[in-house]
Amino acid sequence: MKRVAEPEEIARVAMWLASGEASYITGTTVLADGGLLTGFA
């Protein structure tokens, strides 16, 4: 993405993780880094 995340973008990830839509997500790390760690950012 080549930019810093907006606070709202990080908040959306947190809200999704707290929602019922993520109820089957366990024992993992969700990175909201815009692809930084993939090397494509």
N, C-alpha and C. Protein backbone atom coordinates (compact mmCIF):
# COMPACT_ATOMS: atom_id res chain seq x y z
N MET A 1 0.82 -1.19 0.00
CA MET A 1 0.00 0.00 0.00
C MET A 1 0.87 1.25 0.00
N LYS A 2 2.06 1.12 0.56
CA LYS A 2 3.01 2.23 0.62
C LYS A 2 2.46 3.46 1.34
N ARG A 3 1.72 3.20 2.42
CA ARG A 3 1.19 4.30 3.24
C ARG A 3 0.88 3.76 4.62
N VAL A 4 0.75 4.64 5.56
CA VAL A 4 0.37 4.27 6.92
C VAL A 4 -1.14 4.09 6.96
N ALA A 5 -1.59 3.10 7.69
CA ALA A 5 -3.02 2.83 7.80
C ALA A 5 -3.74 3.97 8.50
N GLU A 6 -4.95 4.20 8.08
CA GLU A 6 -5.83 5.13 8.78
C GLU A 6 -6.37 4.43 10.03
N PRO A 7 -6.59 5.15 11.11
CA PRO A 7 -7.13 4.52 12.32
C PRO A 7 -8.42 3.73 12.06
N GLU A 8 -9.25 4.22 11.17
CA GLU A 8 -10.51 3.54 10.85
C GLU A 8 -10.25 2.17 10.23
N GLU A 9 -9.18 2.03 9.45
CA GLU A 9 -8.86 0.75 8.83
C GLU A 9 -8.48 -0.29 9.87
N ILE A 10 -7.72 0.11 10.86
CA ILE A 10 -7.35 -0.80 11.94
C ILE A 10 -8.57 -1.12 12.79
N ALA A 11 -9.40 -0.12 13.03
CA ALA A 11 -10.62 -0.33 13.81
C ALA A 11 -11.55 -1.33 13.13
N ARG A 12 -11.62 -1.29 11.80
CA ARG A 12 -12.48 -2.25 11.08
C ARG A 12 -12.00 -3.68 11.29
N VAL A 13 -10.69 -3.88 11.31
CA VAL A 13 -10.15 -5.22 11.56
C VAL A 13 -10.52 -5.67 12.97
N ALA A 14 -10.34 -4.79 13.94
CA ALA A 14 -10.68 -5.13 15.32
C ALA A 14 -12.17 -5.42 15.47
N MET A 15 -12.99 -4.63 14.82
CA MET A 15 -14.44 -4.85 14.90
C MET A 15 -14.83 -6.18 14.25
N TRP A 16 -14.19 -6.51 13.14
CA TRP A 16 -14.48 -7.78 12.47
C TRP A 16 -14.09 -8.94 13.38
N LEU A 17 -12.91 -8.85 14.01
CA LEU A 17 -12.47 -9.92 14.90
C LEU A 17 -13.40 -10.09 16.09
N ALA A 18 -14.00 -9.00 16.54
CA ALA A 18 -14.92 -9.05 17.68
C ALA A 18 -16.33 -9.47 17.28
N SER A 19 -16.58 -9.56 15.98
CA SER A 19 -17.92 -9.87 15.50
C SER A 19 -18.14 -11.38 15.36
N GLY A 20 -19.38 -11.73 15.15
CA GLY A 20 -19.74 -13.12 14.91
C GLY A 20 -19.17 -13.67 13.61
N GLU A 21 -18.84 -12.79 12.68
CA GLU A 21 -18.28 -13.23 11.40
C GLU A 21 -16.92 -13.90 11.57
N ALA A 22 -16.22 -13.59 12.64
CA ALA A 22 -14.91 -14.16 12.90
C ALA A 22 -14.97 -15.22 13.99
N SER A 23 -16.14 -15.78 14.24
CA SER A 23 -16.31 -16.71 15.36
C SER A 23 -15.51 -18.00 15.22
N TYR A 24 -15.09 -18.35 14.02
CA TYR A 24 -14.32 -19.58 13.81
C TYR A 24 -12.82 -19.31 13.77
N ILE A 25 -12.40 -18.08 13.96
CA ILE A 25 -10.99 -17.71 13.96
C ILE A 25 -10.43 -17.97 15.35
N THR A 26 -9.42 -18.83 15.44
CA THR A 26 -8.77 -19.12 16.72
C THR A 26 -7.28 -19.30 16.52
N GLY A 27 -6.50 -18.93 17.51
CA GLY A 27 -5.08 -19.22 17.55
C GLY A 27 -4.26 -18.72 16.37
N THR A 28 -4.53 -17.54 15.91
CA THR A 28 -3.76 -17.00 14.79
C THR A 28 -3.50 -15.52 15.00
N THR A 29 -2.60 -15.00 14.23
CA THR A 29 -2.32 -13.58 14.24
C THR A 29 -2.85 -12.98 12.95
N VAL A 30 -3.62 -11.94 13.07
CA VAL A 30 -4.14 -11.24 11.90
C VAL A 30 -3.32 -9.96 11.74
N LEU A 31 -2.61 -9.87 10.64
CA LEU A 31 -1.77 -8.69 10.40
C LEU A 31 -2.51 -7.71 9.52
N ALA A 32 -2.63 -6.51 9.99
CA ALA A 32 -3.23 -5.43 9.22
C ALA A 32 -2.10 -4.46 8.88
N ASP A 33 -1.21 -4.92 7.98
CA ASP A 33 -0.02 -4.14 7.68
C ASP A 33 0.05 -3.67 6.23
N GLY A 34 -1.04 -3.81 5.51
CA GLY A 34 -1.06 -3.35 4.11
C GLY A 34 -0.11 -4.10 3.22
N GLY A 35 0.27 -5.32 3.60
CA GLY A 35 1.16 -6.12 2.78
C GLY A 35 2.64 -5.92 3.08
N LEU A 36 2.97 -5.17 4.11
CA LEU A 36 4.36 -4.85 4.42
C LEU A 36 5.22 -6.10 4.57
N LEU A 37 4.74 -7.09 5.30
CA LEU A 37 5.55 -8.28 5.56
C LEU A 37 5.62 -9.23 4.37
N THR A 38 4.82 -9.03 3.35
CA THR A 38 4.88 -9.89 2.17
C THR A 38 6.01 -9.47 1.24
N GLY A 39 6.51 -8.27 1.45
CA GLY A 39 7.56 -7.76 0.59
C GLY A 39 7.05 -7.07 -0.66
N PHE A 40 5.74 -6.97 -0.80
CA PHE A 40 5.15 -6.34 -1.97
C PHE A 40 4.71 -4.91 -1.71
N ALA A 41 4.85 -4.45 -0.49
CA ALA A 41 4.41 -3.10 -0.16
C ALA A 41 5.42 -2.07 -0.57
